[in-house]
Amino acid sequence: MLGALGSSLAVYATYTFISSVIREVYHSSAGTISAALTMLGVTGVAGNLFVTRAARR
């Protein structure tokens, strides 16, 4: 349970850091930040699916 909580906190901390970097360094709009965070989430899910399948072999 504690590991899952730590993992969730790490993901949200990453989202916060990435959005700040995109906004401050690249001067991007809210739409661009939203698209970047969506891509981060989608690739995270895809990575988890890949690792799960790879671990079963």
N, C-alpha and C. Protein backbone atom coordinates (compact mmCIF):
# COMPACT_ATOMS: atom_id res chain seq x y z
N MET A 1 0.83 -1.19 0.00
CA MET A 1 0.00 0.00 0.00
C MET A 1 0.87 1.25 0.00
N LEU A 2 1.89 1.24 0.81
CA LEU A 2 2.77 2.40 0.89
C LEU A 2 3.55 2.60 -0.40
N GLY A 3 3.91 1.51 -1.05
CA GLY A 3 4.61 1.60 -2.33
C GLY A 3 3.74 2.21 -3.41
N ALA A 4 2.46 1.83 -3.43
CA ALA A 4 1.54 2.40 -4.42
C ALA A 4 1.32 3.89 -4.17
N LEU A 5 1.26 4.28 -2.92
CA LEU A 5 1.10 5.69 -2.59
C LEU A 5 2.33 6.48 -3.03
N GLY A 6 3.51 5.95 -2.77
CA GLY A 6 4.74 6.61 -3.18
C GLY A 6 4.84 6.73 -4.69
N SER A 7 4.42 5.70 -5.39
CA SER A 7 4.44 5.72 -6.85
C SER A 7 3.48 6.77 -7.40
N SER A 8 2.30 6.85 -6.83
CA SER A 8 1.32 7.85 -7.26
C SER A 8 1.83 9.26 -7.01
N LEU A 9 2.44 9.47 -5.87
CA LEU A 9 2.99 10.78 -5.56
C LEU A 9 4.12 11.15 -6.52
N ALA A 10 4.91 10.18 -6.90
CA ALA A 10 6.00 10.44 -7.85
C ALA A 10 5.46 10.83 -9.21
N VAL A 11 4.38 10.19 -9.65
CA VAL A 11 3.77 10.53 -10.94
C VAL A 11 3.24 11.95 -10.91
N TYR A 12 2.52 12.31 -9.87
CA TYR A 12 1.96 13.67 -9.80
C TYR A 12 3.05 14.72 -9.64
N ALA A 13 4.11 14.39 -8.95
CA ALA A 13 5.25 15.32 -8.85
C ALA A 13 5.89 15.52 -10.21
N THR A 14 5.99 14.45 -10.99
CA THR A 14 6.53 14.56 -12.34
C THR A 14 5.66 15.44 -13.21
N TYR A 15 4.34 15.26 -13.14
CA TYR A 15 3.42 16.10 -13.91
C TYR A 15 3.60 17.56 -13.54
N THR A 16 3.72 17.84 -12.25
CA THR A 16 3.89 19.22 -11.80
C THR A 16 5.20 19.81 -12.31
N PHE A 17 6.26 19.05 -12.23
CA PHE A 17 7.57 19.52 -12.70
C PHE A 17 7.56 19.75 -14.20
N ILE A 18 7.03 18.80 -14.95
CA ILE A 18 7.01 18.91 -16.41
C ILE A 18 6.18 20.11 -16.84
N SER A 19 5.03 20.30 -16.23
CA SER A 19 4.18 21.43 -16.63
C SER A 19 4.86 22.76 -16.32
N SER A 20 5.57 22.84 -15.21
CA SER A 20 6.30 24.08 -14.89
C SER A 20 7.41 24.35 -15.90
N VAL A 21 8.13 23.32 -16.28
CA VAL A 21 9.22 23.48 -17.25
C VAL A 21 8.65 23.91 -18.61
N ILE A 22 7.59 23.27 -19.05
CA ILE A 22 7.01 23.62 -20.34
C ILE A 22 6.51 25.07 -20.32
N ARG A 23 5.89 25.47 -19.23
CA ARG A 23 5.35 26.83 -19.14
C ARG A 23 6.44 27.88 -19.03
N GLU A 24 7.42 27.66 -18.15
CA GLU A 24 8.43 28.68 -17.88
C GLU A 24 9.56 28.72 -18.92
N VAL A 25 10.04 27.57 -19.34
CA VAL A 25 11.19 27.53 -20.24
C VAL A 25 10.76 27.72 -21.70
N TYR A 26 9.69 27.04 -22.09
CA TYR A 26 9.27 27.07 -23.49
C TYR A 26 8.14 28.07 -23.76
N HIS A 27 7.62 28.70 -22.72
CA HIS A 27 6.55 29.71 -22.84
C HIS A 27 5.38 29.18 -23.66
N SER A 28 4.94 27.98 -23.31
CA SER A 28 3.88 27.32 -24.06
C SER A 28 2.51 27.63 -23.47
N SER A 29 1.50 27.40 -24.27
CA SER A 29 0.12 27.65 -23.86
C SER A 29 -0.41 26.48 -23.02
N ALA A 30 -1.58 26.70 -22.44
CA ALA A 30 -2.21 25.65 -21.63
C ALA A 30 -2.55 24.43 -22.49
N GLY A 31 -2.90 24.65 -23.74
CA GLY A 31 -3.21 23.54 -24.63
C GLY A 31 -2.00 22.66 -24.90
N THR A 32 -0.84 23.28 -25.04
CA THR A 32 0.39 22.53 -25.27
C THR A 32 0.78 21.73 -24.03
N ILE A 33 0.61 22.34 -22.88
CA ILE A 33 0.90 21.63 -21.62
C ILE A 33 -0.04 20.45 -21.46
N SER A 34 -1.30 20.66 -21.77
CA SER A 34 -2.28 19.57 -21.67
C SER A 34 -1.93 18.42 -22.61
N ALA A 35 -1.53 18.75 -23.84
CA ALA A 35 -1.14 17.72 -24.80
C ALA A 35 0.09 16.96 -24.33
N ALA A 36 1.06 17.67 -23.78
CA ALA A 36 2.29 17.02 -23.30
C ALA A 36 1.99 16.08 -22.13
N LEU A 37 1.14 16.51 -21.22
CA LEU A 37 0.80 15.67 -20.08
C LEU A 37 -0.04 14.46 -20.51
N THR A 38 -0.88 14.66 -21.52
CA THR A 38 -1.65 13.53 -22.06
C THR A 38 -0.72 12.51 -22.68
N MET A 39 0.27 12.97 -23.44
CA MET A 39 1.23 12.05 -24.04
C MET A 39 2.04 11.32 -22.97
N LEU A 40 2.39 12.02 -21.91
CA LEU A 40 3.11 11.40 -20.81
C LEU A 40 2.27 10.29 -20.18
N GLY A 41 1.00 10.56 -19.99
CA GLY A 41 0.11 9.55 -19.41
C GLY A 41 -0.09 8.35 -20.32
N VAL A 42 -0.29 8.61 -21.60
CA VAL A 42 -0.49 7.52 -22.56
C VAL A 42 0.75 6.65 -22.67
N THR A 43 1.92 7.27 -22.73
CA THR A 43 3.14 6.47 -22.81
C THR A 43 3.40 5.71 -21.51
N GLY A 44 2.97 6.26 -20.38
CA GLY A 44 3.10 5.54 -19.12
C GLY A 44 2.25 4.29 -19.09
N VAL A 45 1.01 4.40 -19.58
CA VAL A 45 0.13 3.23 -19.65
C VAL A 45 0.68 2.20 -20.63
N ALA A 46 1.13 2.66 -21.79
CA ALA A 46 1.69 1.75 -22.78
C ALA A 46 2.94 1.05 -22.23
N GLY A 47 3.76 1.78 -21.51
CA GLY A 47 4.94 1.17 -20.91
C GLY A 47 4.60 0.12 -19.88
N ASN A 48 3.59 0.40 -19.08
CA ASN A 48 3.16 -0.59 -18.08
C ASN A 48 2.61 -1.84 -18.75
N LEU A 49 1.85 -1.68 -19.82
CA LEU A 49 1.34 -2.85 -20.54
C LEU A 49 2.48 -3.66 -21.15
N PHE A 50 3.46 -2.99 -21.71
CA PHE A 50 4.60 -3.68 -22.31
C PHE A 50 5.40 -4.44 -21.25
N VAL A 51 5.67 -3.79 -20.14
CA VAL A 51 6.47 -4.43 -19.08
C VAL A 51 5.72 -5.63 -18.49
N THR A 52 4.42 -5.50 -18.34
CA THR A 52 3.62 -6.62 -17.82
C THR A 52 3.71 -7.83 -18.74
N ARG A 53 3.57 -7.59 -20.03
CA ARG A 53 3.65 -8.70 -20.99
C ARG A 53 5.07 -9.27 -21.06
N ALA A 54 6.07 -8.42 -20.99
CA ALA A 54 7.45 -8.88 -21.05
C ALA A 54 7.82 -9.70 -19.80
N ALA A 55 7.27 -9.33 -18.66
CA ALA A 55 7.59 -10.03 -17.43
C ALA A 55 6.97 -11.42 -17.38
N ARG A 56 5.89 -11.62 -18.11
CA ARG A 56 5.24 -12.94 -18.13
C ARG A 56 6.02 -13.97 -18.91
N ARG A 57 6.93 -13.53 -19.75
CA ARG A 57 7.69 -14.47 -20.60
C ARG A 57 8.86 -15.04 -19.89
